[in-house]
PDB file of N, CA and C in Angstrom:
ATOM      1  N   MET A   1     -10.805  -7.242  58.432  1.00  0.00           N
ATOM      2  CA  MET A   1     -10.757  -6.836  57.252  1.00  0.00           C
ATOM      3  C   MET A   1     -11.878  -7.576  56.345  1.00  0.00           C
ATOM      4  N   ALA A   2     -12.328  -6.892  55.579  1.00  0.00           N
ATOM      5  CA  ALA A   2     -13.525  -7.273  54.870  1.00  0.00           C
ATOM      6  C   ALA A   2     -13.216  -8.441  54.022  1.00  0.00           C
ATOM      7  N   SER A   3     -14.231  -9.347  53.559  1.00  0.00           N
ATOM      8  CA  SER A   3     -14.001 -10.576  52.685  1.00  0.00           C
ATOM      9  C   SER A   3     -14.867 -10.633  51.543  1.00  0.00           C
ATOM     10  N   HIS A   4     -15.729  -9.838  51.371  1.00  0.00           N
ATOM     11  CA  HIS A   4     -16.718  -9.818  50.316  1.00  0.00           C
ATOM     12  C   HIS A   4     -16.201  -9.023  49.091  1.00  0.00           C
ATOM     13  N   LYS A   5     -16.346  -9.373  47.985  1.00  0.00           N
ATOM     14  CA  LYS A   5     -15.884  -8.656  46.730  1.00  0.00           C
ATOM     15  C   LYS A   5     -16.304  -7.117  46.766  1.00  0.00           C
ATOM     16  N   ALA A   6     -17.684  -7.188  46.929  1.00  0.00           N
ATOM     17  CA  ALA A   6     -18.351  -5.786  46.874  1.00  0.00           C
ATOM     18  C   ALA A   6     -17.785  -4.742  47.907  1.00  0.00           C
ATOM     19  N   THR A   7     -17.541  -5.238  49.050  1.00  0.00           N
ATOM     20  CA  THR A   7     -17.187  -4.567  50.313  1.00  0.00           C
ATOM     21  C   THR A   7     -15.525  -4.049  49.941  1.00  0.00           C
ATOM     22  N   LEU A   8     -14.858  -4.910  49.668  1.00  0.00           N
ATOM     23  CA  LEU A   8     -13.273  -4.531  48.974  1.00  0.00           C
ATOM     24  C   LEU A   8     -13.465  -3.491  48.029  1.00  0.00           C
ATOM     25  N   LYS A   9     -14.406  -3.685  47.124  1.00  0.00           N
ATOM     26  CA  LYS A   9     -14.511  -2.701  46.069  1.00  0.00           C
ATOM     27  C   LYS A   9     -15.000  -1.470  46.475  1.00  0.00           C
ATOM     28  N   ASP A  10     -15.849  -1.381  47.483  1.00  0.00           N
ATOM     29  CA  ASP A  10     -16.107  -0.136  48.193  1.00  0.00           C
ATOM     30  C   ASP A  10     -15.025   0.534  48.879  1.00  0.00           C
ATOM     31  N   ILE A  11     -14.374  -0.273  49.591  1.00  0.00           N
ATOM     32  CA  ILE A  11     -13.006   0.372  50.184  1.00  0.00           C
ATOM     33  C   ILE A  11     -12.153   0.988  49.364  1.00  0.00           C
ATOM     34  N   LYS A  12     -11.936   0.352  48.127  1.00  0.00           N
ATOM     35  CA  LYS A  12     -11.053   1.062  47.137  1.00  0.00           C
ATOM     36  C   LYS A  12     -11.649   2.349  46.620  1.00  0.00           C
ATOM     37  N   LYS A  13     -13.037   2.311  46.153  1.00  0.00           N
ATOM     38  CA  LYS A  13     -13.826   3.545  45.940  1.00  0.00           C
ATOM     39  C   LYS A  13     -13.575   4.589  46.921  1.00  0.00           C
ATOM     40  N   ASN A  14     -13.959   4.231  48.224  1.00  0.00           N
ATOM     41  CA  ASN A  14     -13.786   5.242  49.169  1.00  0.00           C
ATOM     42  C   ASN A  14     -12.483   5.846  49.387  1.00  0.00           C
ATOM     43  N   GLU A  15     -11.463   5.122  49.228  1.00  0.00           N
ATOM     44  CA  GLU A  15     -10.049   5.684  49.266  1.00  0.00           C
ATOM     45  C   GLU A  15      -9.661   6.659  48.031  1.00  0.00           C
ATOM     46  N   LYS A  16     -10.187   6.261  46.933  1.00  0.00           N
ATOM     47  CA  LYS A  16      -9.981   7.209  45.863  1.00  0.00           C
ATOM     48  C   LYS A  16     -10.771   8.439  46.046  1.00  0.00           C
ATOM     49  N   ARG A  17     -12.167   8.391  46.420  1.00  0.00           N
ATOM     50  CA  ARG A  17     -12.860   9.719  46.652  1.00  0.00           C
ATOM     51  C   ARG A  17     -12.161  10.454  47.706  1.00  0.00           C
ATOM     52  N   ARG A  18     -11.680   9.842  48.777  1.00  0.00           N
ATOM     53  CA  ARG A  18     -11.038  10.618  49.893  1.00  0.00           C
ATOM     54  C   ARG A  18      -9.976  11.290  49.374  1.00  0.00           C
ATOM     55  N   THR A  19      -9.056  10.696  48.497  1.00  0.00           N
ATOM     56  CA  THR A  19      -7.774  11.397  48.169  1.00  0.00           C
ATOM     57  C   THR A  19      -8.242  12.545  47.012  1.00  0.00           C
ATOM     58  N   ARG A  20      -9.043  12.386  46.384  1.00  0.00           N
ATOM     59  CA  ARG A  20      -9.486  13.334  45.518  1.00  0.00           C
ATOM     60  C   ARG A  20     -10.172  14.619  46.168  1.00  0.00           C
ATOM     61  N   ASN A  21     -10.852  14.246  47.216  1.00  0.00           N
ATOM     62  CA  ASN A  21     -11.665  15.290  48.028  1.00  0.00           C
ATOM     63  C   ASN A  21     -10.446  16.030  48.932  1.00  0.00           C
ATOM     64  N   ARG A  22      -9.586  15.325  49.426  1.00  0.00           N
ATOM     65  CA  ARG A  22      -8.480  16.124  50.101  1.00  0.00           C
ATOM     66  C   ARG A  22      -7.787  16.953  49.265  1.00  0.00           C
ATOM     67  N   GLN A  23      -7.295  16.445  47.966  1.00  0.00           N
ATOM     68  CA  GLN A  23      -6.706  17.384  46.895  1.00  0.00           C
ATOM     69  C   GLN A  23      -7.638  18.611  46.796  1.00  0.00           C
ATOM     70  N   ALA A  24      -8.842  18.544  46.593  1.00  0.00           N
ATOM     71  CA  ALA A  24      -9.585  19.737  46.339  1.00  0.00           C
ATOM     72  C   ALA A  24      -9.651  20.600  47.572  1.00  0.00           C
ATOM     73  N   VAL A  25      -9.590  20.100  48.677  1.00  0.00           N
ATOM     74  CA  VAL A  25      -9.622  20.969  49.748  1.00  0.00           C
ATOM     75  C   VAL A  25      -8.222  21.640  50.150  1.00  0.00           C
ATOM     76  N   SER A  26      -7.241  20.910  49.902  1.00  0.00           N
ATOM     77  CA  SER A  26      -5.804  21.383  49.900  1.00  0.00           C
ATOM     78  C   SER A  26      -5.729  22.576  48.796  1.00  0.00           C
ATOM     79  N   MET A  27      -6.228  22.403  47.659  1.00  0.00           N
ATOM     80  CA  MET A  27      -6.201  23.405  46.624  1.00  0.00           C
ATOM     81  C   MET A  27      -6.727  24.716  47.053  1.00  0.00           C
ATOM     82  N   ILE A  28      -8.174  24.508  47.682  1.00  0.00           N
ATOM     83  CA  ILE A  28      -8.941  25.526  48.144  1.00  0.00           C
ATOM     84  C   ILE A  28      -8.129  26.291  49.150  1.00  0.00           C
ATOM     85  N   ARG A  29      -7.532  25.679  50.048  1.00  0.00           N
ATOM     86  CA  ARG A  29      -6.721  26.193  51.201  1.00  0.00           C
ATOM     87  C   ARG A  29      -5.543  27.169  50.680  1.00  0.00           C
ATOM     88  N   THR A  30      -4.858  26.503  49.738  1.00  0.00           N
ATOM     89  CA  THR A  30      -3.622  27.155  49.020  1.00  0.00           C
ATOM     90  C   THR A  30      -4.205  28.413  48.455  1.00  0.00           C
ATOM     91  N   MET A  31      -5.207  28.342  47.685  1.00  0.00           N
ATOM     92  CA  MET A  31      -5.606  29.452  46.896  1.00  0.00           C
ATOM     93  C   MET A  31      -6.147  30.666  47.807  1.00  0.00           C
ATOM     94  N   ALA A  32      -6.868  30.184  48.985  1.00  0.00           N
ATOM     95  CA  ALA A  32      -7.404  31.303  49.812  1.00  0.00           C
ATOM     96  C   ALA A  32      -6.204  31.752  50.465  1.00  0.00           C
ATOM     97  N   LYS A  33      -5.178  31.123  50.810  1.00  0.00           N
ATOM     98  CA  LYS A  33      -3.950  31.610  51.524  1.00  0.00           C
ATOM     99  C   LYS A  33      -3.345  32.675  50.536  1.00  0.00           C
ATOM    100  N   LYS A  34      -3.170  32.427  49.326  1.00  0.00           N
ATOM    101  CA  LYS A  34      -2.637  33.276  48.395  1.00  0.00           C
ATOM    102  C   LYS A  34      -3.385  34.630  48.375  1.00  0.00           C
ATOM    103  N   VAL A  35      -4.812  34.643  48.436  1.00  0.00           N
ATOM    104  CA  VAL A  35      -5.417  35.850  48.525  1.00  0.00           C
ATOM    105  C   VAL A  35      -5.062  36.606  49.795  1.00  0.00           C
ATOM    106  N   GLU A  36      -5.159  35.973  50.990  1.00  0.00           N
ATOM    107  CA  GLU A  36      -4.941  36.424  52.403  1.00  0.00           C
ATOM    108  C   GLU A  36      -3.307  37.178  52.130  1.00  0.00           C
ATOM    109  N   THR A  37      -2.539  36.433  51.704  1.00  0.00           N
ATOM    110  CA  THR A  37      -1.220  36.930  51.537  1.00  0.00           C
ATOM    111  C   THR A  37      -1.124  38.308  50.616  1.00  0.00           C
ATOM    112  N   LEU A  38      -1.972  38.131  49.638  1.00  0.00           N
ATOM    113  CA  LEU A  38      -1.867  39.506  48.883  1.00  0.00           C
ATOM    114  C   LEU A  38      -2.481  40.603  49.475  1.00  0.00           C
ATOM    115  N   VAL A  39      -3.722  40.348  50.255  1.00  0.00           N
ATOM    116  CA  VAL A  39      -4.200  41.274  50.969  1.00  0.00           C
ATOM    117  C   VAL A  39      -3.366  41.948  52.144  1.00  0.00           C
ATOM    118  N   SER A  40      -2.513  40.946  52.655  1.00  0.00           N
ATOM    119  CA  SER A  40      -1.737  41.604  53.826  1.00  0.00           C
ATOM    120  C   SER A  40      -0.542  42.393  53.051  1.00  0.00           C
ATOM    121  N   GLN A  41      -0.281  42.168  52.030  1.00  0.00           N
ATOM    122  CA  GLN A  41       0.928  42.882  51.210  1.00  0.00           C
ATOM    123  C   GLN A  41       0.344  44.221  50.733  1.00  0.00           C
ATOM    124  N   GLY A  42      -1.002  44.393  50.735  1.00  0.00           N
ATOM    125  CA  GLY A  42      -1.644  45.410  50.051  1.00  0.00           C
ATOM    126  C   GLY A  42      -1.938  45.671  48.573  1.00  0.00           C
ATOM    127  N   LYS A  43      -1.748  44.378  48.036  1.00  0.00           N
ATOM    128  CA  LYS A  43      -1.994  44.310  46.562  1.00  0.00           C
ATOM    129  C   LYS A  43      -3.359  44.051  46.165  1.00  0.00           C
ATOM    130  N   LYS A  44      -4.165  45.150  45.913  1.00  0.00           N
ATOM    131  CA  LYS A  44      -5.648  44.858  45.919  1.00  0.00           C
ATOM    132  C   LYS A  44      -5.865  44.391  44.531  1.00  0.00           C
ATOM    133  N   GLU A  45      -5.265  44.955  43.361  1.00  0.00           N
ATOM    134  CA  GLU A  45      -5.557  44.165  42.068  1.00  0.00           C
ATOM    135  C   GLU A  45      -5.355  42.925  41.840  1.00  0.00           C
ATOM    136  N   GLU A  46      -4.046  42.351  42.512  1.00  0.00           N
ATOM    137  CA  GLU A  46      -3.872  41.012  42.505  1.00  0.00           C
ATOM    138  C   GLU A  46      -4.682  40.170  43.215  1.00  0.00           C
ATOM    139  N   ALA A  47      -5.110  40.644  44.446  1.00  0.00           N
ATOM    140  CA  ALA A  47      -5.993  39.994  45.310  1.00  0.00           C
ATOM    141  C   ALA A  47      -7.450  39.799  44.698  1.00  0.00           C
ATOM    142  N   VAL A  48      -7.805  40.826  43.994  1.00  0.00           N
ATOM    143  CA  VAL A  48      -9.050  40.709  43.234  1.00  0.00           C
ATOM    144  C   VAL A  48      -9.214  39.598  42.354  1.00  0.00           C
ATOM    145  N   VAL A  49      -8.033  39.559  41.383  1.00  0.00           N
ATOM    146  CA  VAL A  49      -7.907  38.546  40.512  1.00  0.00           C
ATOM    147  C   VAL A  49      -7.756  37.121  41.019  1.00  0.00           C
ATOM    148  N   ALA A  50      -6.925  36.912  42.202  1.00  0.00           N
ATOM    149  CA  ALA A  50      -6.850  35.675  43.028  1.00  0.00           C
ATOM    150  C   ALA A  50      -8.380  35.301  43.586  1.00  0.00           C
ATOM    151  N   LEU A  51      -9.058  36.326  43.916  1.00  0.00           N
ATOM    152  CA  LEU A  51     -10.243  36.016  44.568  1.00  0.00           C
ATOM    153  C   LEU A  51     -11.163  35.586  43.457  1.00  0.00           C
ATOM    154  N   GLY A  52     -11.102  36.156  42.344  1.00  0.00           N
ATOM    155  CA  GLY A  52     -11.884  35.673  41.132  1.00  0.00           C
ATOM    156  C   GLY A  52     -11.532  34.150  40.744  1.00  0.00           C
ATOM    157  N   GLU A  53     -10.413  33.691  40.965  1.00  0.00           N
ATOM    158  CA  GLU A  53     -10.030  32.377  40.640  1.00  0.00           C
ATOM    159  C   GLU A  53     -10.486  31.277  41.762  1.00  0.00           C
ATOM    160  N   VAL A  54     -10.424  31.958  43.004  1.00  0.00           N
ATOM    161  CA  VAL A  54     -10.733  30.858  44.145  1.00  0.00           C
ATOM    162  C   VAL A  54     -12.179  30.660  44.159  1.00  0.00           C
ATOM    163  N   VAL A  55     -13.160  31.603  43.992  1.00  0.00           N
ATOM    164  CA  VAL A  55     -14.631  31.454  44.207  1.00  0.00           C
ATOM    165  C   VAL A  55     -15.160  30.572  43.257  1.00  0.00           C
ATOM    166  N   PRO A  56     -14.870  30.298  42.116  1.00  0.00           N
ATOM    167  CA  PRO A  56     -15.397  29.109  41.136  1.00  0.00           C
ATOM    168  C   PRO A  56     -14.917  27.961  41.660  1.00  0.00           C
ATOM    169  N   VAL A  57     -13.703  27.669  42.247  1.00  0.00           N
ATOM    170  CA  VAL A  57     -13.212  26.398  42.670  1.00  0.00           C
ATOM    171  C   VAL A  57     -13.982  26.028  43.998  1.00  0.00           C
ATOM    172  N   ILE A  58     -14.083  27.114  44.644  1.00  0.00           N
ATOM    173  CA  ILE A  58     -15.195  26.591  45.999  1.00  0.00           C
ATOM    174  C   ILE A  58     -16.503  26.329  45.689  1.00  0.00           C
ATOM    175  N   ASP A  59     -17.114  27.059  44.644  1.00  0.00           N
ATOM    176  CA  ASP A  59     -18.513  26.646  44.183  1.00  0.00           C
ATOM    177  C   ASP A  59     -18.548  25.273  43.605  1.00  0.00           C
ATOM    178  N   HIS A  60     -17.486  24.970  43.040  1.00  0.00           N
ATOM    179  CA  HIS A  60     -17.312  23.637  42.362  1.00  0.00           C
ATOM    180  C   HIS A  60     -17.272  22.543  43.343  1.00  0.00           C
ATOM    181  N   ALA A  61     -16.531  22.815  44.471  1.00  0.00           N
ATOM    182  CA  ALA A  61     -16.486  21.772  45.490  1.00  0.00           C
ATOM    183  C   ALA A  61     -17.780  21.585  46.234  1.00  0.00           C
ATOM    184  N   VAL A  62     -18.603  22.734  46.197  1.00  0.00           N
ATOM    185  CA  VAL A  62     -19.936  22.619  46.792  1.00  0.00           C
ATOM    186  C   VAL A  62     -20.808  21.610  45.964  1.00  0.00           C
ATOM    187  N   ASN A  63     -20.697  21.901  44.488  1.00  0.00           N
ATOM    188  CA  ASN A  63     -21.392  21.082  43.657  1.00  0.00           C
ATOM    189  C   ASN A  63     -21.083  19.569  43.739  1.00  0.00           C
ATOM    190  N   ARG A  64     -19.921  19.330  43.984  1.00  0.00           N
ATOM    191  CA  ARG A  64     -19.299  17.976  44.123  1.00  0.00           C
ATOM    192  C   ARG A  64     -19.498  17.307  45.605  1.00  0.00           C
ATOM    193  N   ARG A  65     -19.991  18.198  46.513  1.00  0.00           N
ATOM    194  CA  ARG A  65     -20.350  17.870  47.823  1.00  0.00           C
ATOM    195  C   ARG A  65     -19.195  17.506  48.637  1.00  0.00           C
ATOM    196  N   ILE A  66     -18.084  18.344  48.249  1.00  0.00           N
ATOM    197  CA  ILE A  66     -16.909  18.318  49.059  1.00  0.00           C
ATOM    198  C   ILE A  66     -16.976  19.222  50.191  1.00  0.00           C
ATOM    199  N   LEU A  67     -17.457  20.371  49.954  1.00  0.00           N
ATOM    200  CA  LEU A  67     -17.781  21.296  51.054  1.00  0.00           C
ATOM    201  C   LEU A  67     -19.277  21.804  51.199  1.00  0.00           C
ATOM    202  N   HIS A  68     -19.638  21.909  52.491  1.00  0.00           N
ATOM    203  CA  HIS A  68     -21.078  22.134  52.740  1.00  0.00           C
ATOM    204  C   HIS A  68     -21.310  23.726  52.243  1.00  0.00           C
ATOM    205  N   ARG A  69     -22.537  23.738  51.639  1.00  0.00           N
ATOM    206  CA  ARG A  69     -22.755  25.202  51.005  1.00  0.00           C
ATOM    207  C   ARG A  69     -22.631  26.330  52.056  1.00  0.00           C
ATOM    208  N   ASN A  70     -22.878  26.259  53.219  1.00  0.00           N
ATOM    209  CA  ASN A  70     -22.880  27.195  54.222  1.00  0.00           C
ATOM    210  C   ASN A  70     -21.281  27.452  54.494  1.00  0.00           C
ATOM    211  N   SER A  71     -20.730  26.381  54.583  1.00  0.00           N
ATOM    212  CA  SER A  71     -19.139  26.667  54.941  1.00  0.00           C
ATOM    213  C   SER A  71     -18.387  27.548  53.679  1.00  0.00           C
ATOM    214  N   ALA A  72     -18.816  27.140  52.579  1.00  0.00           N
ATOM    215  CA  ALA A  72     -18.307  27.620  51.381  1.00  0.00           C
ATOM    216  C   ALA A  72     -18.738  28.907  51.223  1.00  0.00           C
ATOM    217  N   SER A  73     -19.899  29.447  51.625  1.00  0.00           N
ATOM    218  CA  SER A  73     -20.398  30.779  51.577  1.00  0.00           C
ATOM    219  C   SER A  73     -19.606  31.544  52.702  1.00  0.00           C
ATOM    220  N   ARG A  74     -19.246  30.937  53.606  1.00  0.00           N
ATOM    221  CA  ARG A  74     -18.626  31.683  54.835  1.00  0.00           C
ATOM    222  C   ARG A  74     -17.062  31.913  54.265  1.00  0.00           C
ATOM    223  N   LYS A  75     -16.655  31.047  53.666  1.00  0.00           N
ATOM    224  CA  LYS A  75     -15.171  31.302  53.329  1.00  0.00           C
ATOM    225  C   LYS A  75     -15.183  32.414  52.091  1.00  0.00           C
ATOM    226  N   ILE A  76     -16.075  32.319  51.193  1.00  0.00           N
ATOM    227  CA  ILE A  76     -16.223  33.231  50.088  1.00  0.00           C
ATOM    228  C   ILE A  76     -16.443  34.787  50.695  1.00  0.00           C
ATOM    229  N   SER A  77     -17.344  34.703  51.795  1.00  0.00           N
ATOM    230  CA  SER A  77     -17.772  35.945  52.227  1.00  0.00           C
ATOM    231  C   SER A  77     -16.432  36.705  53.030  1.00  0.00           C
ATOM    232  N   ARG A  78     -15.782  35.779  53.739  1.00  0.00           N
ATOM    233  CA  ARG A  78     -14.619  36.287  54.587  1.00  0.00           C
ATOM    234  C   ARG A  78     -13.478  36.892  53.666  1.00  0.00           C
ATOM    235  N   LEU A  79     -13.325  35.999  52.611  1.00  0.00           N
ATOM    236  CA  LEU A  79     -12.335  36.531  51.641  1.00  0.00           C
ATOM    237  C   LEU A  79     -12.627  37.668  50.825  1.00  0.00           C
ATOM    238  N   THR A  80     -13.879  37.960  50.515  1.00  0.00           N
ATOM    239  CA  THR A  80     -14.276  39.048  50.079  1.00  0.00           C
ATOM    240  C   THR A  80     -14.107  40.225  50.894  1.00  0.00           C
ATOM    241  N   LEU A  81     -14.687  40.181  52.083  1.00  0.00           N
ATOM    242  CA  LEU A  81     -14.490  41.304  52.889  1.00  0.00           C
ATOM    243  C   LEU A  81     -13.063  41.757  53.353  1.00  0.00           C
ATOM    244  N   LYS A  82     -12.194  40.759  52.997  1.00  0.00           N
ATOM    245  CA  LYS A  82     -10.683  41.130  53.258  1.00  0.00           C
ATOM    246  C   LYS A  82     -10.325  41.963  52.136  1.00  0.00           C
ATOM    247  N   VAL A  83     -10.620  41.451  50.936  1.00  0.00           N
ATOM    248  CA  VAL A  83     -10.222  42.047  49.698  1.00  0.00           C
ATOM    249  C   VAL A  83     -10.946  43.546  49.551  1.00  0.00           C
ATOM    250  N   ASN A  84     -12.114  43.505  49.842  1.00  0.00           N
ATOM    251  CA  ASN A  84     -12.861  44.972  49.881  1.00  0.00           C
ATOM    252  C   ASN A  84     -12.284  45.808  50.999  1.00  0.00           C
ATOM    253  N   GLY A  85     -11.892  45.320  51.924  1.00  0.00           N
ATOM    254  CA  GLY A  85     -11.163  46.214  53.111  1.00  0.00           C
ATOM    255  C   GLY A  85     -10.027  46.947  52.669  1.00  0.00           C
ATOM    256  N   LEU A  86      -9.421  46.600  51.538  1.00  0.00           N
ATOM    257  CA  LEU A  86      -8.264  47.404  50.928  1.00  0.00           C
ATOM    258  C   LEU A  86      -8.721  48.517  50.402  1.00  0.00           C
ATOM    259  N   SER A  87      -7.856  49.653  50.372  1.00  0.00           N
ATOM    260  CA  SER A  87      -8.259  50.828  49.914  1.00  0.00           C
ATOM    261  C   SER A  87      -7.429  51.243  48.664  1.00  0.00           C
TER     262      SER A  87
END
């Protein structure tokens, strides 16, 4: 275990950041799952609205460096393809 004050402070800060980042990732997964559920049920209008809610959250996670930009782009692209696949 660390003994320097600065190291102990770093450990606390890292834990807070990890918790905050995990919450953000969990929220993104939940919102994406909601979009996929609506797509599987064939509810296009509701899926479009849900997609419109999840995309800014993913973009915000990229700006906060929680997600890599390519990973976020892939998630957005796949969700958009699923929603657009509905007729």
